Amino acid sequence: MVKIRIGTLKDISQIIGLWKDFMEEHDQDVAKRNKLLKEQIIKSKTGASKFRTHIIELLKTKKGRLIVAEENGILVGYNLAQIKKEIPVFKLKRFGLIADLYVQKEFRGQGIATQFKDEAVKWFKRNKIKYMSITVYPDNPHAYKIYQKWGFSDYKINMRKKI
């Protein structure tokens, strides 16, 4: 049975393994649908170690929350939620961001991602966060549908062009 719990620094090595799987699967899927993205989503050689440092910093500063799904001591998914500052021109000062959300294929369809989102919402509310964001590639229709089902709506469209 899959258990959802708060992740700790002890989980980082397993998280990095999941992150690598997530990036490979995501990038293949997105690049297959949109060839223009292929060169833009290439990770640096030090990407995994930088991601490790990023997570550790977020957890130590309490600006991040790691939520994990575990089965028999093995992590099968994770969610990284962050509290971010909005740019200073807006009345809204801070917002919550679901930065990463990944569940291994064989564990999908069990509501794990929804539990991740629910745990992030609880954490955001405890930290007096009233709005949360999630980023999705337009070439990832499955995730987009799920996020709409959860009540997310389009907020900004970030466009890019090679120059």
C-alpha atoms as a PDB file:
ATOM      1  CA  MET A   1       0.000   0.000   0.000  1.00  0.00           C
ATOM      2  CA  VAL A   2       1.280   3.455  -0.913  1.00  0.00           C
ATOM      3  CA  LYS A   3       1.818   5.852   1.976  1.00  0.00           C
ATOM      4  CA  ILE A   4       1.898   9.629   1.518  1.00  0.00           C
ATOM      5  CA  ARG A   5       4.207  11.443   3.920  1.00  0.00           C
ATOM      6  CA  ILE A   6       6.336  14.540   4.330  1.00  0.00           C
ATOM      7  CA  GLY A   7       9.734  14.087   2.725  1.00  0.00           C
ATOM      8  CA  THR A   8      12.971  14.774   4.553  1.00  0.00           C
ATOM      9  CA  LEU A   9      16.610  15.333   3.670  1.00  0.00           C
ATOM     10  CA  LYS A  10      17.088  11.549   4.042  1.00  0.00           C
ATOM     11  CA  ASP A  11      14.886  11.101   0.952  1.00  0.00           C
ATOM     12  CA  ILE A  12      16.979  13.299  -1.342  1.00  0.00           C
ATOM     13  CA  SER A  13      18.918  10.480  -3.051  1.00  0.00           C
ATOM     14  CA  GLN A  14      15.720   8.658  -3.994  1.00  0.00           C
ATOM     15  CA  ILE A  15      14.131  11.970  -5.060  1.00  0.00           C
ATOM     16  CA  ILE A  16      17.023  12.631  -7.439  1.00  0.00           C
ATOM     17  CA  GLY A  17      16.469   9.207  -9.020  1.00  0.00           C
ATOM     18  CA  LEU A  18      12.768   9.970  -9.459  1.00  0.00           C
ATOM     19  CA  TRP A  19      13.598  13.436 -10.812  1.00  0.00           C
ATOM     20  CA  LYS A  20      15.831  11.876 -13.488  1.00  0.00           C
ATOM     21  CA  ASP A  21      13.013   9.503 -14.480  1.00  0.00           C
ATOM     22  CA  PHE A  22      10.563  12.428 -14.495  1.00  0.00           C
ATOM     23  CA  MET A  23      12.794  14.574 -16.690  1.00  0.00           C
ATOM     24  CA  GLU A  24      13.475  11.771 -19.161  1.00  0.00           C
ATOM     25  CA  GLU A  25       9.814  10.799 -19.472  1.00  0.00           C
ATOM     26  CA  HIS A  26       8.571  14.394 -19.577  1.00  0.00           C
ATOM     27  CA  ASP A  27      11.151  15.598 -22.067  1.00  0.00           C
ATOM     28  CA  GLN A  28      10.580  12.667 -24.427  1.00  0.00           C
ATOM     29  CA  ASP A  29       6.828  13.172 -24.308  1.00  0.00           C
ATOM     30  CA  VAL A  30       6.930  16.958 -24.735  1.00  0.00           C
ATOM     31  CA  ALA A  31       9.649  16.920 -27.418  1.00  0.00           C
ATOM     32  CA  LYS A  32       7.711  14.276 -29.359  1.00  0.00           C
ATOM     33  CA  ARG A  33       4.731  16.641 -29.548  1.00  0.00           C
ATOM     34  CA  ASN A  34       6.718  19.831 -30.152  1.00  0.00           C
ATOM     35  CA  LYS A  35      10.089  19.508 -31.903  1.00  0.00           C
ATOM     36  CA  LEU A  36      10.865  23.199 -31.224  1.00  0.00           C
ATOM     37  CA  LEU A  37      11.182  22.470 -27.497  1.00  0.00           C
ATOM     38  CA  LYS A  38      13.765  19.721 -27.838  1.00  0.00           C
ATOM     39  CA  GLU A  39      16.885  21.894 -27.576  1.00  0.00           C
ATOM     40  CA  GLN A  40      15.300  24.151 -24.941  1.00  0.00           C
ATOM     41  CA  ILE A  41      14.654  21.421 -22.398  1.00  0.00           C
ATOM     42  CA  ILE A  42      18.089  19.775 -22.423  1.00  0.00           C
ATOM     43  CA  LYS A  43      19.406  19.504 -18.867  1.00  0.00           C
ATOM     44  CA  SER A  44      22.945  20.519 -18.000  1.00  0.00           C
ATOM     45  CA  LYS A  45      25.461  17.837 -16.966  1.00  0.00           C
ATOM     46  CA  THR A  46      25.209  19.147 -13.404  1.00  0.00           C
ATOM     47  CA  GLY A  47      21.396  19.389 -13.454  1.00  0.00           C
ATOM     48  CA  ALA A  48      20.820  16.618 -10.913  1.00  0.00           C
ATOM     49  CA  SER A  49      23.336  17.993  -8.409  1.00  0.00           C
ATOM     50  CA  LYS A  50      21.901  21.495  -8.811  1.00  0.00           C
ATOM     51  CA  PHE A  51      18.403  20.126  -8.253  1.00  0.00           C
ATOM     52  CA  ARG A  52      19.677  18.376  -5.102  1.00  0.00           C
ATOM     53  CA  THR A  53      21.126  21.660  -3.814  1.00  0.00           C
ATOM     54  CA  HIS A  54      17.884  23.471  -4.687  1.00  0.00           C
ATOM     55  CA  ILE A  55      15.718  21.023  -2.716  1.00  0.00           C
ATOM     56  CA  ILE A  56      18.037  21.085   0.291  1.00  0.00           C
ATOM     57  CA  GLU A  57      17.995  24.887   0.343  1.00  0.00           C
ATOM     58  CA  LEU A  58      14.200  25.009   0.093  1.00  0.00           C
ATOM     59  CA  LEU A  59      13.754  22.542   2.935  1.00  0.00           C
ATOM     60  CA  LYS A  60      16.291  24.249   5.183  1.00  0.00           C
ATOM     61  CA  THR A  61      14.775  27.706   4.642  1.00  0.00           C
ATOM     62  CA  LYS A  62      11.240  26.319   5.110  1.00  0.00           C
ATOM     63  CA  LYS A  63      10.232  27.820   1.739  1.00  0.00           C
ATOM     64  CA  GLY A  64       9.718  24.366   0.300  1.00  0.00           C
ATOM     65  CA  ARG A  65       7.753  21.278   1.204  1.00  0.00           C
ATOM     66  CA  LEU A  66       8.594  17.834  -0.067  1.00  0.00           C
ATOM     67  CA  ILE A  67       5.757  15.318  -0.111  1.00  0.00           C
ATOM     68  CA  VAL A  68       6.509  11.731  -1.070  1.00  0.00           C
ATOM     69  CA  ALA A  69       4.672   8.538  -1.936  1.00  0.00           C
ATOM     70  CA  GLU A  70       6.318   5.448  -0.528  1.00  0.00           C
ATOM     71  CA  GLU A  71       5.701   1.748  -0.940  1.00  0.00           C
ATOM     72  CA  ASN A  72       7.709  -0.733   1.119  1.00  0.00           C
ATOM     73  CA  GLY A  73      10.412   1.855   1.832  1.00  0.00           C
ATOM     74  CA  ILE A  74      10.830   2.821  -1.830  1.00  0.00           C
ATOM     75  CA  LEU A  75       9.700   6.220  -3.100  1.00  0.00           C
ATOM     76  CA  VAL A  76       7.342   5.991  -6.076  1.00  0.00           C
ATOM     77  CA  GLY A  77       6.524   9.674  -6.458  1.00  0.00           C
ATOM     78  CA  TYR A  78       7.168  13.122  -5.095  1.00  0.00           C
ATOM     79  CA  ASN A  79       5.810  16.632  -5.021  1.00  0.00           C
ATOM     80  CA  LEU A  80       7.886  19.735  -4.422  1.00  0.00           C
ATOM     81  CA  ALA A  81       5.833  22.719  -3.287  1.00  0.00           C
ATOM     82  CA  GLN A  82       7.345  26.170  -2.819  1.00  0.00           C
ATOM     83  CA  ILE A  83       6.383  29.531  -1.417  1.00  0.00           C
ATOM     84  CA  LYS A  84       7.404  32.180  -3.924  1.00  0.00           C
ATOM     85  CA  LYS A  85       7.479  35.969  -3.823  1.00  0.00           C
ATOM     86  CA  GLU A  86       5.453  37.789  -6.428  1.00  0.00           C
ATOM     87  CA  ILE A  87       7.098  40.719  -8.170  1.00  0.00           C
ATOM     88  CA  PRO A  88       6.603  43.874  -6.064  1.00  0.00           C
ATOM     89  CA  VAL A  89       4.106  45.627  -8.356  1.00  0.00           C
ATOM     90  CA  PHE A  90       1.247  43.389  -7.252  1.00  0.00           C
ATOM     91  CA  LYS A  91      -0.828  43.544  -4.084  1.00  0.00           C
ATOM     92  CA  LEU A  92      -0.397  39.785  -3.787  1.00  0.00           C
ATOM     93  CA  LYS A  93       3.006  39.347  -2.148  1.00  0.00           C
ATOM     94  CA  ARG A  94       3.410  35.560  -2.054  1.00  0.00           C
ATOM     95  CA  PHE A  95       1.936  32.533  -3.760  1.00  0.00           C
ATOM     96  CA  GLY A  96       2.320  28.796  -3.617  1.00  0.00           C
ATOM     97  CA  LEU A  97       3.891  26.896  -6.473  1.00  0.00           C
ATOM     98  CA  ILE A  98       3.660  23.207  -7.171  1.00  0.00           C
ATOM     99  CA  ALA A  99       7.096  23.079  -8.738  1.00  0.00           C
ATOM    100  CA  ASP A 100       7.408  19.348  -9.415  1.00  0.00           C
ATOM    101  CA  LEU A 101       4.868  16.563  -9.284  1.00  0.00           C
ATOM    102  CA  TYR A 102       5.787  13.077 -10.428  1.00  0.00           C
ATOM    103  CA  VAL A 103       4.366   9.591  -9.916  1.00  0.00           C
ATOM    104  CA  GLN A 104       5.922   6.519 -11.501  1.00  0.00           C
ATOM    105  CA  LYS A 105       3.794   5.073 -14.312  1.00  0.00           C
ATOM    106  CA  GLU A 106       2.838   1.869 -12.526  1.00  0.00           C
ATOM    107  CA  PHE A 107       1.405   3.856  -9.600  1.00  0.00           C
ATOM    108  CA  ARG A 108      -0.668   6.328 -11.616  1.00  0.00           C
ATOM    109  CA  GLY A 109      -4.441   6.288 -11.454  1.00  0.00           C
ATOM    110  CA  GLN A 110      -4.482   5.690  -7.693  1.00  0.00           C
ATOM    111  CA  GLY A 111      -5.082   9.313  -6.685  1.00  0.00           C
ATOM    112  CA  ILE A 112      -1.501   9.893  -5.522  1.00  0.00           C
ATOM    113  CA  ALA A 113      -1.099  13.145  -7.469  1.00  0.00           C
ATOM    114  CA  THR A 114      -4.361  14.437  -5.991  1.00  0.00           C
ATOM    115  CA  GLN A 115      -3.121  13.577  -2.498  1.00  0.00           C
ATOM    116  CA  PHE A 116       0.098  15.461  -3.268  1.00  0.00           C
ATOM    117  CA  LYS A 117      -1.904  18.502  -4.342  1.00  0.00           C
ATOM    118  CA  ASP A 118      -4.131  18.279  -1.235  1.00  0.00           C
ATOM    119  CA  GLU A 119      -1.106  18.111   1.081  1.00  0.00           C
ATOM    120  CA  ALA A 120       0.455  21.109  -0.694  1.00  0.00           C
ATOM    121  CA  VAL A 121      -2.803  23.059  -0.260  1.00  0.00           C
ATOM    122  CA  LYS A 122      -2.819  22.305   3.485  1.00  0.00           C
ATOM    123  CA  TRP A 123       0.765  23.493   3.800  1.00  0.00           C
ATOM    124  CA  PHE A 124       0.082  26.645   1.765  1.00  0.00           C
ATOM    125  CA  LYS A 125      -2.963  27.474   3.914  1.00  0.00           C
ATOM    126  CA  ARG A 126      -0.954  27.015   7.141  1.00  0.00           C
ATOM    127  CA  ASN A 127       1.494  29.535   5.685  1.00  0.00           C
ATOM    128  CA  LYS A 128      -1.320  31.986   4.847  1.00  0.00           C
ATOM    129  CA  ILE A 129      -0.970  31.470   1.101  1.00  0.00           C
ATOM    130  CA  LYS A 130      -4.189  32.270  -0.752  1.00  0.00           C
ATOM    131  CA  TYR A 131      -3.217  31.442  -4.340  1.00  0.00           C
ATOM    132  CA  MET A 132      -1.234  28.638  -5.857  1.00  0.00           C
ATOM    133  CA  SER A 133       0.229  28.062  -9.300  1.00  0.00           C
ATOM    134  CA  ILE A 134       1.376  25.118 -11.317  1.00  0.00           C
ATOM    135  CA  THR A 135       3.245  25.148 -14.597  1.00  0.00           C
ATOM    136  CA  VAL A 136       2.401  22.829 -17.459  1.00  0.00           C
ATOM    137  CA  TYR A 137       3.673  22.580 -21.010  1.00  0.00           C
ATOM    138  CA  PRO A 138       0.879  22.989 -23.563  1.00  0.00           C
ATOM    139  CA  ASP A 139       2.265  19.839 -25.145  1.00  0.00           C
ATOM    140  CA  ASN A 140       1.354  17.844 -22.039  1.00  0.00           C
ATOM    141  CA  PRO A 141      -2.435  17.526 -22.429  1.00  0.00           C
ATOM    142  CA  HIS A 142      -2.793  14.776 -19.810  1.00  0.00           C
ATOM    143  CA  ALA A 143      -1.340  16.935 -17.013  1.00  0.00           C
ATOM    144  CA  TYR A 144      -3.230  19.983 -18.279  1.00  0.00           C
ATOM    145  CA  LYS A 145      -6.554  18.105 -17.971  1.00  0.00           C
ATOM    146  CA  ILE A 146      -5.746  16.961 -14.448  1.00  0.00           C
ATOM    147  CA  TYR A 147      -4.854  20.484 -13.336  1.00  0.00           C
ATOM    148  CA  GLN A 148      -8.084  21.835 -14.819  1.00  0.00           C
ATOM    149  CA  LYS A 149      -9.997  19.113 -12.959  1.00  0.00           C
ATOM    150  CA  TRP A 150      -8.331  20.341  -9.764  1.00  0.00           C
ATOM    151  CA  GLY A 151      -9.676  23.859 -10.426  1.00  0.00           C
ATOM    152  CA  PHE A 152      -6.621  25.500 -11.963  1.00  0.00           C
ATOM    153  CA  SER A 153      -7.258  27.878 -14.837  1.00  0.00           C
ATOM    154  CA  ASP A 154      -4.985  29.608 -17.310  1.00  0.00           C
ATOM    155  CA  TYR A 155      -3.283  32.615 -15.725  1.00  0.00           C
ATOM    156  CA  LYS A 156      -0.373  33.574 -17.954  1.00  0.00           C
ATOM    157  CA  ILE A 157       0.972  32.278 -21.204  1.00  0.00           C
ATOM    158  CA  ASN A 158       4.739  32.266 -21.386  1.00  0.00           C
ATOM    159  CA  MET A 159       5.925  32.390 -24.996  1.00  0.00           C
ATOM    160  CA  ARG A 160       9.437  31.827 -26.313  1.00  0.00           C
ATOM    161  CA  LYS A 161      11.273  32.274 -29.592  1.00  0.00           C
ATOM    162  CA  LYS A 162      14.762  31.319 -30.712  1.00  0.00           C
ATOM    163  CA  ILE A 163      16.773  34.350 -31.820  1.00  0.00           C
END
